[in-house]
N, C-alpha and C. Protein backbone atom coordinates (compact mmCIF):
# COMPACT_ATOMS: atom_id res chain seq x y z
N MET A 1 -18.64 109.91 -49.71
CA MET A 1 -19.55 108.99 -48.92
C MET A 1 -20.68 109.36 -49.29
N ALA A 2 -21.06 110.53 -49.25
CA ALA A 2 -22.49 111.26 -49.62
C ALA A 2 -22.83 110.95 -51.03
N THR A 3 -21.94 110.84 -51.98
CA THR A 3 -22.37 110.58 -53.37
C THR A 3 -22.66 109.17 -53.56
N ALA A 4 -21.83 108.12 -52.65
CA ALA A 4 -22.06 106.82 -52.83
C ALA A 4 -23.67 106.55 -52.21
N ALA A 5 -24.06 107.25 -51.24
CA ALA A 5 -25.30 107.07 -50.59
C ALA A 5 -26.32 107.55 -51.58
N ALA A 6 -26.20 108.64 -52.16
CA ALA A 6 -27.07 109.21 -53.14
C ALA A 6 -27.27 108.25 -54.41
N GLY A 7 -26.15 107.75 -54.76
CA GLY A 7 -26.08 106.89 -56.02
C GLY A 7 -26.77 105.62 -55.62
N ALA A 8 -26.73 104.97 -54.45
CA ALA A 8 -27.50 103.89 -54.00
C ALA A 8 -28.92 104.10 -53.80
N LEU A 9 -29.25 105.36 -53.28
CA LEU A 9 -30.68 105.79 -53.22
C LEU A 9 -31.22 105.94 -54.53
N SER A 10 -30.70 106.53 -55.49
CA SER A 10 -31.25 106.56 -56.75
C SER A 10 -31.43 105.48 -57.41
N LEU A 11 -30.39 104.44 -57.32
CA LEU A 11 -30.69 103.05 -57.87
C LEU A 11 -31.93 102.38 -57.21
N LEU A 12 -32.03 102.60 -55.87
CA LEU A 12 -33.19 101.95 -55.24
C LEU A 12 -34.35 102.57 -55.86
N TRP A 13 -34.39 103.86 -55.95
CA TRP A 13 -35.62 104.57 -56.43
C TRP A 13 -35.89 104.21 -57.86
N GLY A 14 -35.01 104.14 -58.49
CA GLY A 14 -35.20 103.66 -59.90
C GLY A 14 -35.73 102.17 -60.00
N TRP A 15 -35.15 101.26 -59.14
CA TRP A 15 -35.73 99.95 -59.01
C TRP A 15 -37.28 99.88 -58.75
N LEU A 16 -37.53 100.79 -57.52
CA LEU A 16 -38.79 100.68 -57.02
C LEU A 16 -39.88 101.18 -58.14
N TRP A 17 -39.57 102.21 -58.78
CA TRP A 17 -40.54 102.76 -59.82
C TRP A 17 -40.31 102.29 -61.13
N SER A 18 -39.57 101.18 -61.40
CA SER A 18 -39.42 100.61 -62.68
C SER A 18 -40.61 100.41 -63.60
N GLU A 19 -40.57 100.97 -64.65
CA GLU A 19 -41.71 100.74 -65.70
C GLU A 19 -42.02 99.28 -65.96
N ARG A 20 -40.90 98.56 -66.18
CA ARG A 20 -41.08 97.04 -66.47
C ARG A 20 -41.70 96.30 -65.37
N PHE A 21 -41.46 96.58 -64.03
CA PHE A 21 -42.27 96.05 -62.99
C PHE A 21 -43.70 96.49 -62.84
N TRP A 22 -44.11 97.74 -62.94
CA TRP A 22 -45.21 98.14 -62.57
C TRP A 22 -46.24 98.03 -63.84
N LEU A 23 -45.65 98.41 -64.98
CA LEU A 23 -46.63 98.85 -66.16
C LEU A 23 -46.64 97.75 -67.26
N PRO A 24 -47.50 97.64 -67.99
CA PRO A 24 -47.57 96.78 -69.29
C PRO A 24 -46.30 97.17 -70.23
N GLN A 25 -46.34 96.55 -71.24
CA GLN A 25 -44.99 96.85 -72.20
C GLN A 25 -45.22 98.10 -72.73
N ASN A 26 -46.40 98.51 -73.42
CA ASN A 26 -46.56 99.65 -74.23
C ASN A 26 -46.91 100.75 -73.37
N VAL A 27 -46.92 100.83 -72.15
CA VAL A 27 -47.22 101.88 -71.32
C VAL A 27 -45.96 102.40 -70.46
N SER A 28 -45.76 103.91 -70.35
CA SER A 28 -44.73 104.39 -69.61
C SER A 28 -45.35 105.47 -68.45
N TRP A 29 -44.51 105.67 -67.74
CA TRP A 29 -44.80 106.64 -66.53
C TRP A 29 -45.42 107.87 -67.42
N ALA A 30 -44.75 108.22 -68.37
CA ALA A 30 -45.20 109.65 -69.15
C ALA A 30 -46.60 109.65 -69.48
N ASP A 31 -47.02 108.33 -70.05
CA ASP A 31 -48.40 108.25 -70.40
C ASP A 31 -49.43 108.42 -69.36
N LEU A 32 -49.08 108.22 -68.01
CA LEU A 32 -50.04 108.31 -66.85
C LEU A 32 -49.76 109.91 -66.39
N GLU A 33 -49.14 110.61 -67.01
CA GLU A 33 -49.19 112.04 -66.54
C GLU A 33 -50.52 112.72 -66.64
N GLY A 34 -51.30 112.23 -67.63
CA GLY A 34 -52.58 112.79 -67.58
C GLY A 34 -52.79 113.87 -68.76
N PRO A 35 -53.96 114.51 -68.90
CA PRO A 35 -54.27 115.46 -69.71
C PRO A 35 -53.64 116.86 -69.34
N ALA A 36 -53.39 117.64 -70.16
CA ALA A 36 -52.81 119.08 -69.99
C ALA A 36 -53.67 119.96 -69.21
N ASP A 37 -54.87 119.76 -68.79
CA ASP A 37 -55.84 120.61 -68.37
C ASP A 37 -55.54 120.78 -66.93
N GLY A 38 -54.49 120.23 -66.31
CA GLY A 38 -54.40 120.42 -64.88
C GLY A 38 -54.92 119.25 -64.09
N TYR A 39 -55.68 118.43 -64.68
CA TYR A 39 -56.17 117.31 -63.76
C TYR A 39 -55.31 116.01 -64.30
N GLY A 40 -54.60 115.69 -63.46
CA GLY A 40 -53.75 114.45 -63.81
C GLY A 40 -54.12 113.16 -63.03
N TYR A 41 -53.54 112.05 -63.45
CA TYR A 41 -53.69 110.80 -62.66
C TYR A 41 -52.87 110.84 -61.52
N PRO A 42 -53.32 109.92 -60.56
CA PRO A 42 -52.49 109.77 -59.32
C PRO A 42 -51.14 109.18 -59.77
N ARG A 43 -50.09 109.74 -59.25
CA ARG A 43 -48.68 109.26 -59.34
C ARG A 43 -48.15 108.26 -58.32
N GLY A 44 -47.32 107.61 -58.80
CA GLY A 44 -46.56 106.72 -57.68
C GLY A 44 -46.08 107.40 -56.42
N GLN A 45 -45.61 108.50 -56.67
CA GLN A 45 -45.03 109.25 -55.44
C GLN A 45 -45.98 109.65 -54.62
N HIS A 46 -47.39 109.62 -55.00
CA HIS A 46 -48.47 109.98 -54.04
C HIS A 46 -48.53 108.94 -52.79
N VAL A 47 -48.09 107.84 -53.27
CA VAL A 47 -48.19 106.78 -52.09
C VAL A 47 -47.24 107.21 -50.76
N LEU A 48 -46.39 108.05 -51.08
CA LEU A 48 -45.60 108.40 -49.82
C LEU A 48 -46.14 109.37 -49.07
N SER A 49 -47.47 110.00 -49.46
CA SER A 49 -48.38 110.97 -48.65
C SER A 49 -48.90 110.05 -47.43
N VAL A 50 -48.88 108.84 -47.53
CA VAL A 50 -49.39 108.10 -46.34
C VAL A 50 -48.77 108.09 -45.13
N PHE A 51 -47.27 108.34 -45.32
CA PHE A 51 -46.62 108.34 -43.91
C PHE A 51 -46.92 109.46 -43.31
N PRO A 52 -46.97 110.76 -43.80
CA PRO A 52 -47.24 111.89 -42.81
C PRO A 52 -48.61 111.85 -42.41
N LEU A 53 -49.59 111.35 -43.14
CA LEU A 53 -50.93 111.31 -42.78
C LEU A 53 -50.92 110.19 -41.46
N ALA A 54 -50.26 109.01 -41.75
CA ALA A 54 -50.28 108.09 -40.44
C ALA A 54 -49.71 108.76 -39.16
N ALA A 55 -48.57 109.38 -39.46
CA ALA A 55 -47.95 110.13 -38.23
C ALA A 55 -48.95 111.20 -37.69
N GLY A 56 -49.76 111.81 -38.50
CA GLY A 56 -50.76 112.75 -38.06
C GLY A 56 -51.83 112.13 -37.22
N ILE A 57 -52.13 111.03 -37.81
CA ILE A 57 -53.21 110.33 -37.08
C ILE A 57 -52.75 109.68 -35.63
N PHE A 58 -51.54 109.28 -35.66
CA PHE A 58 -50.78 108.82 -34.58
C PHE A 58 -50.67 109.70 -33.28
N PHE A 59 -50.34 111.08 -33.74
CA PHE A 59 -50.06 111.99 -32.90
C PHE A 59 -51.54 112.64 -32.38
N VAL A 60 -52.49 112.65 -33.22
CA VAL A 60 -53.95 112.90 -32.82
C VAL A 60 -54.40 111.89 -31.65
N ARG A 61 -54.16 110.74 -31.93
CA ARG A 61 -54.41 109.65 -30.99
C ARG A 61 -53.73 109.78 -29.40
N LEU A 62 -52.59 110.18 -29.58
CA LEU A 62 -51.79 110.38 -28.51
C LEU A 62 -52.36 111.48 -27.62
N LEU A 63 -52.62 112.63 -28.44
CA LEU A 63 -53.23 113.91 -27.73
C LEU A 63 -54.62 113.51 -27.15
N PHE A 64 -55.51 112.74 -27.83
CA PHE A 64 -56.68 112.28 -27.40
C PHE A 64 -56.56 111.50 -26.15
N GLU A 65 -55.78 110.43 -26.14
CA GLU A 65 -55.66 109.71 -24.92
C GLU A 65 -55.23 110.24 -23.80
N ARG A 66 -54.11 111.15 -23.90
CA ARG A 66 -53.36 112.01 -22.82
C ARG A 66 -54.17 113.04 -22.26
N PHE A 67 -54.99 113.75 -22.98
CA PHE A 67 -55.66 114.97 -22.68
C PHE A 67 -57.16 114.89 -22.56
N ILE A 68 -57.74 113.82 -23.19
CA ILE A 68 -59.21 113.61 -22.93
C ILE A 68 -59.63 112.32 -22.16
N ALA A 69 -59.23 111.26 -22.81
CA ALA A 69 -59.62 109.95 -22.31
C ALA A 69 -59.14 109.69 -20.94
N LYS A 70 -57.83 109.89 -20.54
CA LYS A 70 -57.20 109.83 -19.26
C LYS A 70 -57.87 110.55 -18.14
N PRO A 71 -58.11 111.87 -18.49
CA PRO A 71 -58.62 112.61 -17.27
C PRO A 71 -59.94 112.29 -17.15
N CYS A 72 -60.87 111.77 -18.24
CA CYS A 72 -62.24 111.43 -18.15
C CYS A 72 -62.15 110.08 -17.04
N ALA A 73 -61.23 109.17 -17.30
CA ALA A 73 -61.21 107.91 -16.81
C ALA A 73 -60.88 108.03 -15.22
N LEU A 74 -59.99 108.89 -14.98
CA LEU A 74 -59.27 109.21 -13.65
C LEU A 74 -60.62 109.91 -12.84
N HIS A 75 -61.28 110.76 -13.61
CA HIS A 75 -62.51 111.57 -12.87
C HIS A 75 -63.52 110.29 -12.61
N ILE A 76 -64.00 109.38 -13.31
CA ILE A 76 -64.89 108.53 -12.90
C ILE A 76 -64.33 107.39 -11.95
N GLY A 77 -63.09 107.36 -11.55
CA GLY A 77 -62.55 106.49 -10.66
C GLY A 77 -61.95 105.29 -11.16
N ILE A 78 -61.37 105.14 -12.47
CA ILE A 78 -60.50 104.07 -12.92
C ILE A 78 -59.27 104.36 -12.47
N GLU A 79 -58.58 103.35 -11.90
CA GLU A 79 -57.24 103.76 -11.17
C GLU A 79 -56.15 103.55 -12.30
N ASP A 80 -55.04 104.26 -12.03
CA ASP A 80 -53.77 104.35 -12.93
C ASP A 80 -52.64 103.20 -12.56
N SER A 81 -53.09 102.49 -11.52
CA SER A 81 -52.18 101.63 -11.16
C SER A 81 -52.16 100.14 -12.02
N GLY A 82 -51.14 99.51 -12.27
CA GLY A 82 -50.96 98.50 -13.08
C GLY A 82 -51.31 97.14 -12.05
N PRO A 83 -51.12 95.98 -12.44
CA PRO A 83 -51.35 94.91 -11.71
C PRO A 83 -50.32 94.72 -10.63
N TYR A 84 -50.77 93.68 -9.71
CA TYR A 84 -49.80 93.40 -8.61
C TYR A 84 -48.56 92.87 -9.17
N GLN A 85 -47.44 93.42 -8.72
CA GLN A 85 -46.04 92.80 -9.22
C GLN A 85 -45.72 91.48 -8.46
N ALA A 86 -45.24 90.58 -9.25
CA ALA A 86 -44.89 89.34 -8.52
C ALA A 86 -43.34 89.56 -8.00
N GLN A 87 -43.26 88.82 -6.85
CA GLN A 87 -41.98 89.14 -6.08
C GLN A 87 -40.77 88.36 -7.00
N PRO A 88 -39.67 89.24 -7.18
CA PRO A 88 -38.60 88.57 -8.00
C PRO A 88 -38.24 87.25 -7.69
N ASN A 89 -38.17 86.27 -8.45
CA ASN A 89 -37.67 84.89 -8.12
C ASN A 89 -37.04 84.39 -9.42
N ALA A 90 -35.76 84.17 -9.43
CA ALA A 90 -35.01 83.84 -10.65
C ALA A 90 -35.46 82.33 -11.23
N ILE A 91 -35.64 81.46 -10.27
CA ILE A 91 -36.05 80.22 -10.72
C ILE A 91 -37.40 80.17 -11.42
N LEU A 92 -38.47 80.79 -10.77
CA LEU A 92 -39.88 80.98 -11.38
C LEU A 92 -39.74 81.69 -12.62
N GLU A 93 -38.99 82.80 -12.70
CA GLU A 93 -39.00 83.71 -13.93
C GLU A 93 -38.42 82.73 -15.07
N LYS A 94 -37.21 81.96 -14.90
CA LYS A 94 -36.81 81.14 -15.81
C LYS A 94 -37.76 80.29 -16.41
N VAL A 95 -38.50 79.58 -15.53
CA VAL A 95 -39.67 78.60 -15.86
C VAL A 95 -40.68 79.23 -16.75
N PHE A 96 -40.96 80.54 -16.16
CA PHE A 96 -42.10 81.35 -16.83
C PHE A 96 -41.78 81.72 -18.20
N ILE A 97 -40.53 82.08 -18.46
CA ILE A 97 -40.03 82.59 -19.67
C ILE A 97 -39.75 81.49 -20.76
N SER A 98 -39.05 80.58 -20.19
CA SER A 98 -38.51 79.50 -21.14
C SER A 98 -39.28 78.23 -21.18
N ILE A 99 -40.15 77.87 -20.23
CA ILE A 99 -40.87 76.59 -20.30
C ILE A 99 -42.24 76.94 -20.47
N THR A 100 -42.94 77.40 -19.51
CA THR A 100 -44.55 77.68 -19.56
C THR A 100 -44.97 78.59 -18.69
N LYS A 101 -46.21 79.28 -19.15
CA LYS A 101 -46.69 80.23 -18.20
C LYS A 101 -47.72 79.73 -17.48
N TYR A 102 -48.16 78.34 -17.87
CA TYR A 102 -49.26 77.74 -17.02
C TYR A 102 -48.65 76.31 -16.63
N PRO A 103 -47.94 76.48 -15.55
CA PRO A 103 -47.38 74.95 -15.09
C PRO A 103 -48.47 74.07 -14.50
N ASP A 104 -48.15 72.71 -15.02
CA ASP A 104 -49.21 71.67 -14.71
C ASP A 104 -48.80 71.29 -13.17
N LYS A 105 -49.69 70.42 -12.72
CA LYS A 105 -49.54 70.13 -11.23
C LYS A 105 -48.35 69.36 -10.88
N LYS A 106 -47.79 68.71 -11.86
CA LYS A 106 -46.50 67.86 -11.52
C LYS A 106 -45.37 68.94 -11.36
N ARG A 107 -45.38 69.79 -12.40
CA ARG A 107 -44.24 70.92 -12.29
C ARG A 107 -44.31 71.88 -10.99
N LEU A 108 -45.69 72.04 -10.78
CA LEU A 108 -45.81 72.82 -9.52
C LEU A 108 -45.29 72.09 -8.21
N GLU A 109 -45.53 70.95 -8.16
CA GLU A 109 -44.99 70.15 -7.09
C GLU A 109 -43.43 70.14 -6.93
N GLY A 110 -42.99 69.85 -8.26
CA GLY A 110 -41.60 70.02 -8.19
C GLY A 110 -40.92 71.47 -7.74
N LEU A 111 -41.44 72.43 -8.40
CA LEU A 111 -41.04 73.82 -7.93
C LEU A 111 -41.22 74.03 -6.42
N SER A 112 -42.29 73.45 -5.93
CA SER A 112 -42.49 73.62 -4.55
C SER A 112 -41.49 72.89 -3.59
N LYS A 113 -40.96 71.75 -4.00
CA LYS A 113 -39.86 71.13 -3.30
C LYS A 113 -38.56 71.89 -3.41
N GLN A 114 -38.37 72.31 -4.71
CA GLN A 114 -37.09 73.04 -5.11
C GLN A 114 -36.94 74.33 -4.23
N LEU A 115 -38.11 75.06 -4.32
CA LEU A 115 -38.05 76.40 -3.52
C LEU A 115 -38.53 76.46 -2.10
N ASP A 116 -39.12 75.39 -1.72
CA ASP A 116 -39.66 75.18 -0.28
C ASP A 116 -40.75 76.14 -0.13
N TRP A 117 -41.38 76.23 -1.02
CA TRP A 117 -42.91 77.05 -1.00
C TRP A 117 -44.16 76.09 -1.18
N ASN A 118 -45.17 76.38 -0.70
CA ASN A 118 -46.18 75.63 -0.96
C ASN A 118 -46.81 75.96 -2.40
N VAL A 119 -47.50 74.88 -2.84
CA VAL A 119 -48.23 74.85 -4.11
C VAL A 119 -48.88 76.17 -4.49
N ARG A 120 -49.77 76.55 -3.63
CA ARG A 120 -50.67 77.56 -3.65
C ARG A 120 -49.89 79.16 -4.00
N LYS A 121 -48.78 79.17 -3.13
CA LYS A 121 -47.89 80.45 -3.35
C LYS A 121 -47.40 80.41 -4.73
N ILE A 122 -46.90 79.25 -5.25
CA ILE A 122 -46.36 79.17 -6.54
C ILE A 122 -47.37 79.60 -7.75
N GLN A 123 -48.61 78.87 -7.47
CA GLN A 123 -49.83 79.27 -8.40
C GLN A 123 -50.07 80.81 -8.44
N CYS A 124 -50.12 81.33 -7.12
CA CYS A 124 -50.18 82.93 -7.13
C CYS A 124 -49.19 83.62 -7.95
N TRP A 125 -47.90 83.12 -7.66
CA TRP A 125 -46.85 84.00 -8.47
C TRP A 125 -46.99 83.82 -9.70
N PHE A 126 -47.30 82.71 -10.36
CA PHE A 126 -47.47 82.60 -11.79
C PHE A 126 -48.73 83.46 -12.30
N ARG A 127 -49.81 83.35 -11.34
CA ARG A 127 -50.79 84.27 -11.81
C ARG A 127 -50.55 85.90 -11.86
N HIS A 128 -49.88 86.22 -10.92
CA HIS A 128 -49.30 87.59 -10.80
C HIS A 128 -48.50 87.91 -11.88
N ARG A 129 -47.55 87.01 -12.18
CA ARG A 129 -46.69 87.23 -13.19
C ARG A 129 -47.35 87.35 -14.60
N ARG A 130 -48.33 86.41 -14.84
CA ARG A 130 -49.11 86.53 -16.11
C ARG A 130 -49.65 87.89 -16.42
N ASN A 131 -50.37 88.41 -15.07
CA ASN A 131 -51.12 89.72 -15.06
C ASN A 131 -50.19 90.86 -15.38
N GLN A 132 -48.83 90.74 -15.00
CA GLN A 132 -48.04 91.96 -15.26
C GLN A 132 -47.83 92.13 -16.66
N ASP A 133 -48.14 91.28 -17.66
CA ASP A 133 -47.95 91.36 -18.98
C ASP A 133 -49.11 92.00 -19.62
N LYS A 134 -50.13 92.00 -18.79
CA LYS A 134 -51.32 92.62 -19.35
C LYS A 134 -51.50 94.07 -19.16
N PRO A 135 -52.15 94.93 -19.99
CA PRO A 135 -52.35 96.31 -19.76
C PRO A 135 -53.14 96.74 -18.66
N PRO A 136 -52.85 97.70 -17.93
CA PRO A 136 -53.73 98.08 -16.97
C PRO A 136 -55.12 98.62 -17.35
N THR A 137 -56.13 98.59 -16.49
CA THR A 137 -57.48 98.94 -16.94
C THR A 137 -57.60 100.48 -17.51
N LEU A 138 -56.85 101.39 -17.16
CA LEU A 138 -56.80 102.64 -17.71
C LEU A 138 -56.44 102.65 -19.14
N THR A 139 -55.33 101.75 -19.56
CA THR A 139 -54.76 101.82 -20.93
C THR A 139 -56.03 101.16 -21.83
N LYS A 140 -56.51 100.12 -21.33
CA LYS A 140 -57.59 99.47 -21.97
C LYS A 140 -58.74 100.43 -22.16
N PHE A 141 -59.12 101.25 -21.22
CA PHE A 141 -60.24 102.28 -21.32
C PHE A 141 -59.82 103.34 -22.42
N CYS A 142 -58.61 103.85 -22.12
CA CYS A 142 -58.28 104.80 -23.23
C CYS A 142 -58.24 104.38 -24.77
N GLU A 143 -57.78 103.12 -24.79
CA GLU A 143 -57.82 102.66 -26.28
C GLU A 143 -59.23 102.34 -26.83
N SER A 144 -60.00 101.86 -25.83
CA SER A 144 -61.34 101.49 -26.44
C SER A 144 -62.31 102.57 -26.75
N ILE A 145 -62.10 103.73 -25.93
CA ILE A 145 -62.73 104.71 -26.25
C ILE A 145 -62.29 105.51 -27.54
N HIS A 146 -60.99 105.59 -27.69
CA HIS A 146 -60.43 106.21 -29.15
C HIS A 146 -60.81 105.25 -30.21
N LEU A 147 -60.84 104.04 -29.99
CA LEU A 147 -61.15 102.98 -31.03
C LEU A 147 -62.55 103.35 -31.48
N GLY A 148 -63.66 103.30 -30.45
CA GLY A 148 -65.15 103.51 -30.61
C GLY A 148 -65.39 104.74 -31.32
N SER A 149 -64.75 105.87 -30.88
CA SER A 149 -65.12 107.28 -31.49
C SER A 149 -64.51 107.22 -32.94
N GLY A 150 -63.26 106.83 -33.13
CA GLY A 150 -62.55 106.75 -34.27
C GLY A 150 -63.34 105.98 -35.44
N THR A 151 -64.02 104.79 -34.99
CA THR A 151 -64.60 103.91 -35.97
C THR A 151 -65.91 104.67 -36.32
N SER A 152 -66.63 105.32 -35.27
CA SER A 152 -67.72 106.15 -35.60
C SER A 152 -67.58 107.26 -36.66
N ASP A 153 -66.49 108.06 -36.09
CA ASP A 153 -66.30 109.20 -37.01
C ASP A 153 -65.88 108.85 -38.54
N SER A 154 -65.17 107.80 -38.63
CA SER A 154 -64.78 107.23 -39.86
C SER A 154 -65.98 106.86 -40.69
N ALA A 155 -66.91 106.19 -40.03
CA ALA A 155 -68.21 105.63 -40.84
C ALA A 155 -68.82 106.78 -41.09
N GLY A 156 -69.05 107.97 -40.32
CA GLY A 156 -69.66 109.06 -40.41
C GLY A 156 -69.21 109.96 -41.68
N ILE A 157 -67.85 110.06 -41.71
CA ILE A 157 -67.40 110.70 -42.78
C ILE A 157 -67.25 110.05 -44.17
N THR A 158 -67.25 108.63 -44.26
CA THR A 158 -67.49 107.86 -45.27
C THR A 158 -68.99 107.91 -45.94
N ILE A 159 -69.91 107.89 -45.07
CA ILE A 159 -71.18 107.98 -45.28
C ILE A 159 -71.41 109.40 -45.92
N HIS A 160 -70.97 110.37 -45.37
CA HIS A 160 -70.92 111.85 -45.79
C HIS A 160 -70.60 111.91 -47.31
N PHE A 161 -69.46 111.50 -47.61
CA PHE A 161 -68.92 111.53 -49.02
C PHE A 161 -69.63 110.59 -49.83
N SER A 162 -70.16 109.65 -49.55
CA SER A 162 -70.89 108.61 -50.34
C SER A 162 -72.36 109.14 -50.60
N LEU A 163 -72.75 109.86 -49.67
CA LEU A 163 -74.30 110.38 -49.68
C LEU A 163 -74.29 111.79 -49.45
N CYS A 164 -74.15 112.64 -50.42
CA CYS A 164 -73.98 114.05 -50.38
C CYS A 164 -75.21 114.70 -49.97
N GLN A 165 -76.31 114.05 -49.80
CA GLN A 165 -77.57 114.81 -49.59
C GLN A 165 -77.65 114.91 -47.94
N VAL A 166 -77.02 114.03 -47.23
CA VAL A 166 -77.04 113.97 -45.93
C VAL A 166 -76.16 114.98 -45.13
N ASP A 167 -76.73 115.68 -44.28
CA ASP A 167 -75.87 116.84 -43.75
C ASP A 167 -74.80 116.11 -42.80
N PHE A 168 -73.58 116.80 -43.09
CA PHE A 168 -72.22 116.25 -42.21
C PHE A 168 -72.52 116.33 -40.65
N ILE A 169 -72.93 117.25 -40.34
CA ILE A 169 -73.12 117.65 -38.66
C ILE A 169 -74.03 116.70 -38.23
N THR A 170 -75.28 116.36 -38.87
CA THR A 170 -76.15 115.36 -38.51
C THR A 170 -75.48 113.98 -38.35
N ILE A 171 -74.70 113.71 -39.19
CA ILE A 171 -73.97 112.24 -39.24
C ILE A 171 -73.06 112.28 -37.98
N ILE A 172 -72.21 113.31 -37.87
CA ILE A 172 -71.27 113.20 -36.71
C ILE A 172 -71.99 113.29 -35.37
N SER A 173 -73.06 114.10 -35.42
CA SER A 173 -73.88 114.07 -33.98
C SER A 173 -74.52 112.59 -33.74
N TRP A 174 -75.11 112.10 -34.79
CA TRP A 174 -75.65 110.93 -34.71
C TRP A 174 -74.65 109.78 -34.11
N ASN A 175 -73.43 109.84 -34.72
CA ASN A 175 -72.36 108.87 -34.43
C ASN A 175 -72.04 109.10 -33.02
N TRP A 176 -71.92 110.33 -32.47
CA TRP A 176 -71.48 110.54 -31.14
C TRP A 176 -72.65 110.29 -30.21
N LEU A 177 -73.85 110.44 -30.59
CA LEU A 177 -74.99 109.95 -29.76
C LEU A 177 -74.98 108.58 -29.63
N SER A 178 -74.71 107.71 -30.67
CA SER A 178 -74.58 106.33 -30.77
C SER A 178 -73.33 105.74 -29.78
N ILE A 179 -72.37 106.59 -29.75
CA ILE A 179 -71.23 106.07 -29.06
C ILE A 179 -71.26 106.47 -27.56
N GLY A 180 -72.07 107.39 -27.29
CA GLY A 180 -72.31 107.69 -25.77
C GLY A 180 -72.87 106.78 -24.86
N PRO A 181 -73.88 106.04 -25.29
CA PRO A 181 -74.49 105.06 -24.56
C PRO A 181 -73.55 103.81 -24.42
N LEU A 182 -72.71 103.53 -25.40
CA LEU A 182 -71.74 102.54 -25.47
C LEU A 182 -70.59 102.83 -24.48
N CYS A 183 -70.35 104.23 -24.31
CA CYS A 183 -69.15 104.27 -23.45
C CYS A 183 -69.78 104.29 -22.00
N PHE A 184 -70.97 104.79 -21.88
CA PHE A 184 -71.63 104.68 -20.46
C PHE A 184 -71.75 103.27 -20.07
N LEU A 185 -72.20 102.39 -20.90
CA LEU A 185 -72.24 101.07 -20.60
C LEU A 185 -70.92 100.47 -20.22
N SER A 186 -69.89 100.83 -21.05
CA SER A 186 -68.55 100.25 -20.68
C SER A 186 -67.99 100.73 -19.39
N LEU A 187 -68.31 102.04 -19.03
CA LEU A 187 -67.75 102.56 -17.67
C LEU A 187 -68.59 101.98 -16.72
N GLN A 188 -69.98 101.72 -16.86
CA GLN A 188 -70.54 100.94 -15.71
C GLN A 188 -69.89 99.84 -15.34
N THR A 189 -69.53 98.93 -16.46
CA THR A 189 -69.08 97.48 -16.47
C THR A 189 -67.71 97.61 -15.65
N LEU A 190 -66.80 98.71 -16.19
CA LEU A 190 -65.69 98.92 -15.66
C LEU A 190 -65.68 99.33 -14.00
N LYS A 191 -66.63 100.06 -13.45
CA LYS A 191 -66.87 100.53 -12.26
C LYS A 191 -67.25 99.44 -11.36
N GLU A 192 -68.16 98.42 -12.10
CA GLU A 192 -68.67 97.24 -11.12
C GLU A 192 -67.57 96.18 -10.77
N ARG A 193 -66.35 96.30 -11.60
CA ARG A 193 -65.29 95.30 -11.39
C ARG A 193 -64.49 95.87 -10.27
């Protein structure tokens, strides 16, 4: 069984890195090895290094959201509660999932007669049910803070490597100083709601 899986994997690997597929007729992978002085060209296998890097970035994001952004949000008064939960109702849930999330007046009146509820109560149920699918304010806050600082840092690192005369610490400091007022404004907006 293991040899069959290994054979299938080697066949897939051979197909994925086929010279006929990736390279012109007179070029082979051996030609791309590079000079013998130790400096070679990038190889196809280097593409695989993206996966551990992506996992590392994802792990850093989780740590940031859990140990930095969430405590900050709770400290300034952003609540950890989700939206109001709509009371369970099989008929309205079926309409919500299979027909429409925004029922028109005619459908509301039909549901009102069927359930013996008033139209206003059914409208409120649909509004609460739509809000259940939205992320809570705390989640939005954590993601927006992470996105803002990540964009700023990546821009700073890119600028640093493209303009070597600029001091790296200065760029990162400038980016954090520019993100600070944006965070403050977003916090004020969230507190006013």
